[in-house]
């Protein structure tokens, strides 16, 4: 089990950038898969970026190359660089770590990102 804590959310104008961080309570070196999700009001939680043990990354096409996920195992931290933000990016952003049977195991409490027009 690992505790995940997101930070870096806030209010930003459309076109702006934010960097979200997810700090783990222990080493993430052994956590193969880590990801960022978001959930907007009235919508389902969706995967927006994932990084795997070999360093390969995955983004849904809908992200349009605006987001970049990275991990720093030495700092036990997962990052999400978000550029060219749009009002429709407004959501609670969650990080997740570890998967079993296709399900993500550990979740953070979420951080709110609000993009104003």
N, C-alpha and C. Protein backbone atom coordinates (compact mmCIF):
# COMPACT_ATOMS: atom_id res chain seq x y z
N UNK A 1 0.84 -1.19 0.00
CA UNK A 1 0.00 0.00 0.00
C UNK A 1 0.88 1.25 0.00
N UNK A 2 0.46 2.25 -0.70
CA UNK A 2 1.19 3.51 -0.75
C UNK A 2 0.19 4.65 -0.71
N UNK A 3 0.52 5.69 0.01
CA UNK A 3 -0.32 6.88 0.06
C UNK A 3 0.17 7.85 -1.01
N UNK A 4 -0.78 8.41 -1.76
CA UNK A 4 -0.47 9.35 -2.82
C UNK A 4 -1.12 10.68 -2.52
N UNK A 5 -0.38 11.76 -2.65
CA UNK A 5 -0.90 13.10 -2.37
C UNK A 5 -0.62 14.01 -3.56
N UNK A 6 -1.70 14.50 -4.17
CA UNK A 6 -1.56 15.42 -5.30
C UNK A 6 -1.44 16.86 -4.82
N UNK A 7 -0.77 17.66 -5.62
CA UNK A 7 -0.66 19.09 -5.35
C UNK A 7 -0.45 19.82 -6.66
N UNK A 8 -0.61 21.14 -6.61
CA UNK A 8 -0.35 21.95 -7.79
C UNK A 8 -1.58 22.42 -8.53
N UNK A 9 -2.76 21.97 -8.10
CA UNK A 9 -3.97 22.44 -8.75
C UNK A 9 -4.27 23.88 -8.39
N UNK A 10 -5.26 24.44 -9.06
CA UNK A 10 -5.64 25.82 -8.78
C UNK A 10 -6.42 26.41 -9.92
N UNK A 11 -6.50 27.73 -9.92
CA UNK A 11 -7.24 28.47 -10.94
C UNK A 11 -6.25 29.05 -11.95
N UNK A 12 -6.52 28.83 -13.23
CA UNK A 12 -5.65 29.33 -14.28
C UNK A 12 -6.51 29.81 -15.44
N UNK A 13 -6.02 30.78 -16.17
CA UNK A 13 -6.75 31.27 -17.33
C UNK A 13 -6.55 30.33 -18.53
N UNK A 14 -7.51 30.35 -19.41
CA UNK A 14 -7.40 29.54 -20.62
C UNK A 14 -6.12 29.92 -21.37
N UNK A 15 -5.44 28.89 -21.86
CA UNK A 15 -4.17 29.09 -22.53
C UNK A 15 -2.97 28.97 -21.61
N UNK A 16 -3.22 28.94 -20.32
CA UNK A 16 -2.14 28.85 -19.35
C UNK A 16 -1.66 27.43 -19.12
N UNK A 17 -0.74 27.30 -18.17
CA UNK A 17 -0.12 26.02 -17.86
C UNK A 17 -0.13 25.75 -16.36
N UNK A 18 -0.10 24.49 -16.01
CA UNK A 18 0.03 24.05 -14.63
C UNK A 18 0.88 22.81 -14.59
N UNK A 19 1.57 22.61 -13.48
CA UNK A 19 2.26 21.35 -13.24
C UNK A 19 1.68 20.73 -11.98
N UNK A 20 1.12 19.55 -12.10
CA UNK A 20 0.62 18.80 -10.97
C UNK A 20 1.71 17.84 -10.50
N UNK A 21 1.75 17.65 -9.19
CA UNK A 21 2.67 16.70 -8.59
C UNK A 21 1.89 15.68 -7.78
N UNK A 22 2.42 14.49 -7.70
CA UNK A 22 1.84 13.42 -6.89
C UNK A 22 2.98 12.78 -6.12
N UNK A 23 3.00 13.01 -4.82
CA UNK A 23 4.09 12.51 -4.00
C UNK A 23 3.63 11.27 -3.25
N UNK A 24 4.46 10.26 -3.28
CA UNK A 24 4.13 8.99 -2.64
C UNK A 24 4.77 8.88 -1.26
N UNK A 25 4.13 8.07 -0.41
CA UNK A 25 4.60 7.90 0.97
C UNK A 25 5.81 6.98 1.06
N UNK A 26 6.11 6.31 -0.03
CA UNK A 26 7.28 5.44 -0.06
C UNK A 26 7.84 5.43 -1.47
N UNK A 27 8.88 4.68 -1.67
CA UNK A 27 9.51 4.62 -2.98
C UNK A 27 8.53 4.14 -4.05
N UNK A 28 8.57 4.82 -5.19
CA UNK A 28 7.73 4.40 -6.32
C UNK A 28 8.52 3.57 -7.31
N UNK A 29 9.76 3.27 -6.97
CA UNK A 29 10.62 2.54 -7.90
C UNK A 29 9.98 1.21 -8.30
N UNK A 30 9.32 0.57 -7.34
CA UNK A 30 8.72 -0.74 -7.60
C UNK A 30 7.30 -0.67 -8.14
N UNK A 31 6.78 0.53 -8.30
CA UNK A 31 5.43 0.69 -8.86
C UNK A 31 5.57 0.84 -10.37
N UNK A 32 5.19 -0.21 -11.06
CA UNK A 32 5.43 -0.23 -12.50
C UNK A 32 4.61 0.82 -13.25
N UNK A 33 3.35 0.86 -12.94
CA UNK A 33 2.44 1.72 -13.69
C UNK A 33 1.92 2.85 -12.82
N UNK A 34 1.97 4.05 -13.34
CA UNK A 34 1.40 5.20 -12.65
C UNK A 34 0.64 6.04 -13.67
N UNK A 35 -0.41 6.69 -13.19
CA UNK A 35 -1.22 7.45 -14.13
C UNK A 35 -1.90 8.65 -13.51
N UNK A 36 -2.40 9.49 -14.39
CA UNK A 36 -3.22 10.64 -14.01
C UNK A 36 -4.62 10.46 -14.61
N UNK A 37 -5.61 10.73 -13.80
CA UNK A 37 -7.00 10.69 -14.20
C UNK A 37 -7.63 12.04 -13.88
N UNK A 38 -8.79 12.27 -14.45
CA UNK A 38 -9.55 13.45 -14.05
C UNK A 38 -11.04 13.12 -14.10
N UNK A 39 -11.79 13.87 -13.30
CA UNK A 39 -13.24 13.72 -13.28
C UNK A 39 -13.88 15.09 -13.23
N UNK A 40 -14.60 15.40 -14.28
CA UNK A 40 -15.34 16.66 -14.34
C UNK A 40 -16.74 16.44 -13.76
N UNK A 41 -17.40 17.49 -13.30
CA UNK A 41 -18.74 17.35 -12.74
C UNK A 41 -19.69 16.67 -13.71
N UNK A 42 -20.37 15.65 -13.23
CA UNK A 42 -21.34 14.95 -14.04
C UNK A 42 -20.75 13.99 -15.06
N UNK A 43 -19.43 13.81 -15.01
CA UNK A 43 -18.78 12.92 -15.98
C UNK A 43 -18.03 11.81 -15.26
N UNK A 44 -17.73 10.76 -16.01
CA UNK A 44 -16.97 9.66 -15.44
C UNK A 44 -15.48 10.03 -15.34
N UNK A 45 -14.82 9.36 -14.41
CA UNK A 45 -13.38 9.56 -14.30
C UNK A 45 -12.71 8.98 -15.55
N UNK A 46 -11.74 9.71 -16.10
CA UNK A 46 -11.08 9.27 -17.31
C UNK A 46 -9.57 9.30 -17.15
N UNK A 47 -8.92 8.34 -17.79
CA UNK A 47 -7.46 8.31 -17.82
C UNK A 47 -6.98 9.36 -18.80
N UNK A 48 -6.01 10.17 -18.38
CA UNK A 48 -5.48 11.18 -19.28
C UNK A 48 -3.99 11.00 -19.59
N UNK A 49 -3.30 10.21 -18.77
CA UNK A 49 -1.89 9.94 -19.04
C UNK A 49 -1.42 8.80 -18.17
N UNK A 50 -0.53 7.98 -18.69
CA UNK A 50 0.04 6.89 -17.92
C UNK A 50 1.50 6.71 -18.29
N UNK A 51 2.28 6.27 -17.32
CA UNK A 51 3.68 5.95 -17.56
C UNK A 51 3.94 4.56 -17.00
N UNK A 52 4.66 3.76 -17.76
CA UNK A 52 4.86 2.37 -17.41
C UNK A 52 6.31 2.10 -17.02
N UNK A 53 6.57 0.89 -16.57
CA UNK A 53 7.86 0.57 -15.97
C UNK A 53 9.03 0.82 -16.89
N UNK A 54 8.85 0.62 -18.17
CA UNK A 54 9.95 0.84 -19.12
C UNK A 54 10.11 2.28 -19.53
N UNK A 55 9.28 3.15 -18.97
CA UNK A 55 9.33 4.56 -19.31
C UNK A 55 8.40 4.98 -20.42
N UNK A 56 7.79 3.99 -21.05
CA UNK A 56 6.87 4.37 -22.12
C UNK A 56 5.64 5.04 -21.54
N UNK A 57 5.06 5.93 -22.33
CA UNK A 57 3.91 6.71 -21.89
C UNK A 57 2.73 6.46 -22.80
N UNK A 58 1.57 6.77 -22.28
CA UNK A 58 0.33 6.62 -23.05
C UNK A 58 -0.56 7.81 -22.78
N UNK A 59 -1.12 8.36 -23.85
CA UNK A 59 -2.08 9.46 -23.73
C UNK A 59 -3.26 9.17 -24.65
N UNK A 60 -4.45 9.42 -24.19
CA UNK A 60 -5.59 9.32 -25.12
C UNK A 60 -5.45 10.38 -26.22
N UNK A 61 -5.98 10.08 -27.37
CA UNK A 61 -5.91 11.04 -28.48
C UNK A 61 -6.53 12.38 -28.13
N UNK A 62 -7.51 12.35 -27.25
CA UNK A 62 -8.23 13.58 -26.91
C UNK A 62 -7.35 14.60 -26.20
N UNK A 63 -6.21 14.17 -25.67
CA UNK A 63 -5.32 15.12 -24.98
C UNK A 63 -4.57 16.02 -25.97
N UNK A 64 -4.52 15.64 -27.24
CA UNK A 64 -3.99 16.50 -28.30
C UNK A 64 -2.56 16.95 -28.05
N UNK A 65 -1.78 16.15 -27.29
CA UNK A 65 -0.38 16.50 -27.09
C UNK A 65 -0.14 17.64 -26.13
N UNK A 66 -1.15 18.02 -25.37
CA UNK A 66 -1.01 19.17 -24.47
C UNK A 66 -0.47 18.78 -23.10
N UNK A 67 -0.58 17.51 -22.75
CA UNK A 67 -0.17 17.06 -21.42
C UNK A 67 1.05 16.15 -21.52
N UNK A 68 1.91 16.21 -20.50
CA UNK A 68 3.10 15.35 -20.44
C UNK A 68 3.24 14.76 -19.06
N UNK A 69 3.31 13.45 -18.98
CA UNK A 69 3.48 12.76 -17.71
C UNK A 69 4.95 12.39 -17.55
N UNK A 70 5.43 12.47 -16.32
CA UNK A 70 6.80 12.06 -16.04
C UNK A 70 6.87 11.60 -14.59
N UNK A 71 7.92 10.85 -14.30
CA UNK A 71 8.10 10.37 -12.93
C UNK A 71 9.55 10.56 -12.52
N UNK A 72 9.75 10.87 -11.25
CA UNK A 72 11.08 10.99 -10.68
C UNK A 72 11.14 10.00 -9.52
N UNK A 73 11.69 8.84 -9.78
CA UNK A 73 11.72 7.80 -8.76
C UNK A 73 12.54 8.23 -7.54
N UNK A 74 13.56 9.02 -7.75
CA UNK A 74 14.40 9.47 -6.63
C UNK A 74 13.63 10.37 -5.67
N UNK A 75 12.63 11.07 -6.20
CA UNK A 75 11.83 11.97 -5.36
C UNK A 75 10.47 11.37 -5.03
N UNK A 76 10.24 10.13 -5.45
CA UNK A 76 8.96 9.46 -5.19
C UNK A 76 7.78 10.29 -5.71
N UNK A 77 7.96 10.90 -6.86
CA UNK A 77 6.96 11.86 -7.34
C UNK A 77 6.63 11.63 -8.81
N UNK A 78 5.35 11.76 -9.09
CA UNK A 78 4.80 11.70 -10.43
C UNK A 78 4.35 13.11 -10.80
N UNK A 79 4.57 13.51 -12.05
CA UNK A 79 4.22 14.85 -12.49
C UNK A 79 3.28 14.82 -13.69
N UNK A 80 2.54 15.91 -13.84
CA UNK A 80 1.74 16.11 -15.05
C UNK A 80 1.91 17.57 -15.46
N UNK A 81 2.57 17.78 -16.57
CA UNK A 81 2.70 19.11 -17.15
C UNK A 81 1.51 19.34 -18.08
N UNK A 82 0.75 20.40 -17.83
CA UNK A 82 -0.44 20.68 -18.62
C UNK A 82 -0.26 22.04 -19.29
N UNK A 83 -0.34 22.06 -20.60
CA UNK A 83 -0.18 23.29 -21.37
C UNK A 83 -1.45 23.59 -22.16
N UNK A 84 -1.56 24.83 -22.60
CA UNK A 84 -2.69 25.26 -23.44
C UNK A 84 -4.01 24.83 -22.83
N UNK A 85 -4.17 25.11 -21.56
CA UNK A 85 -5.36 24.65 -20.86
C UNK A 85 -6.62 25.31 -21.40
N UNK A 86 -7.70 24.55 -21.36
CA UNK A 86 -9.00 24.98 -21.85
C UNK A 86 -10.02 24.89 -20.72
N UNK A 87 -11.09 25.66 -20.81
CA UNK A 87 -12.12 25.55 -19.76
C UNK A 87 -12.64 24.13 -19.58
N UNK A 88 -12.66 23.35 -20.65
CA UNK A 88 -13.15 21.97 -20.53
C UNK A 88 -12.16 21.06 -19.82
N UNK A 89 -10.97 21.55 -19.49
CA UNK A 89 -10.03 20.79 -18.67
C UNK A 89 -10.35 20.91 -17.19
N UNK A 90 -11.31 21.74 -16.85
CA UNK A 90 -11.70 21.90 -15.46
C UNK A 90 -12.20 20.58 -14.91
N UNK A 91 -11.59 20.13 -13.80
CA UNK A 91 -11.92 18.83 -13.22
C UNK A 91 -11.11 18.64 -11.95
N UNK A 92 -11.43 17.58 -11.23
CA UNK A 92 -10.57 17.11 -10.16
C UNK A 92 -9.60 16.11 -10.77
N UNK A 93 -8.32 16.32 -10.53
CA UNK A 93 -7.28 15.47 -11.10
C UNK A 93 -6.73 14.55 -10.01
N UNK A 94 -6.65 13.28 -10.37
CA UNK A 94 -6.20 12.24 -9.44
C UNK A 94 -4.97 11.54 -10.00
N UNK A 95 -4.06 11.15 -9.11
CA UNK A 95 -3.01 10.25 -9.55
C UNK A 95 -3.31 8.85 -9.01
N UNK A 96 -2.78 7.87 -9.70
CA UNK A 96 -2.98 6.48 -9.33
C UNK A 96 -1.67 5.72 -9.53
N UNK A 97 -1.49 4.69 -8.70
CA UNK A 97 -0.27 3.91 -8.81
C UNK A 97 -0.52 2.44 -8.62
N UNK A 98 0.06 1.63 -9.50
CA UNK A 98 -0.05 0.19 -9.39
C UNK A 98 -1.34 -0.34 -9.99
N UNK A 99 -1.20 -1.43 -10.71
CA UNK A 99 -2.39 -2.06 -11.28
C UNK A 99 -2.36 -3.54 -10.99
N UNK A 100 -3.55 -4.12 -10.81
CA UNK A 100 -3.71 -5.55 -10.63
C UNK A 100 -5.01 -5.96 -11.29
N UNK A 101 -4.94 -6.94 -12.16
CA UNK A 101 -6.15 -7.37 -12.85
C UNK A 101 -6.78 -6.27 -13.66
N UNK A 102 -5.94 -5.34 -14.16
CA UNK A 102 -6.47 -4.25 -14.96
C UNK A 102 -7.02 -3.09 -14.17
N UNK A 103 -7.08 -3.22 -12.85
CA UNK A 103 -7.61 -2.15 -12.01
C UNK A 103 -6.45 -1.41 -11.34
N UNK A 104 -6.59 -0.07 -11.24
CA UNK A 104 -5.62 0.74 -10.53
C UNK A 104 -5.88 0.61 -9.03
N UNK A 105 -4.80 0.45 -8.27
CA UNK A 105 -4.93 0.06 -6.87
C UNK A 105 -4.92 1.25 -5.91
N UNK A 106 -3.93 2.12 -6.05
CA UNK A 106 -3.74 3.21 -5.09
C UNK A 106 -4.12 4.53 -5.73
N UNK A 107 -4.87 5.33 -4.98
CA UNK A 107 -5.37 6.61 -5.48
C UNK A 107 -5.06 7.74 -4.52
N UNK A 108 -4.81 8.91 -5.08
CA UNK A 108 -4.72 10.10 -4.27
C UNK A 108 -6.10 10.68 -4.01
N UNK A 109 -6.14 11.76 -3.25
CA UNK A 109 -7.43 12.36 -2.88
C UNK A 109 -7.92 13.34 -3.93
N UNK A 110 -7.06 13.71 -4.86
CA UNK A 110 -7.45 14.61 -5.94
C UNK A 110 -7.08 16.05 -5.67
N UNK A 111 -6.87 16.79 -6.75
CA UNK A 111 -6.61 18.23 -6.67
C UNK A 111 -7.45 18.93 -7.74
N UNK A 112 -8.07 20.02 -7.37
CA UNK A 112 -8.98 20.73 -8.27
C UNK A 112 -8.20 21.61 -9.24
N UNK A 113 -8.53 21.50 -10.50
CA UNK A 113 -8.01 22.40 -11.53
C UNK A 113 -9.20 23.11 -12.16
N UNK A 114 -9.16 24.42 -12.14
CA UNK A 114 -10.22 25.22 -12.73
C UNK A 114 -9.62 26.15 -13.77
N UNK A 115 -10.13 26.07 -14.99
CA UNK A 115 -9.63 26.90 -16.09
C UNK A 115 -10.72 27.90 -16.46
N UNK A 116 -10.41 29.16 -16.33
CA UNK A 116 -11.38 30.21 -16.64
C UNK A 116 -11.22 30.67 -18.08
N UNK A 117 -12.34 31.07 -18.68
CA UNK A 117 -12.31 31.52 -20.08
C UNK A 117 -12.02 33.00 -20.19
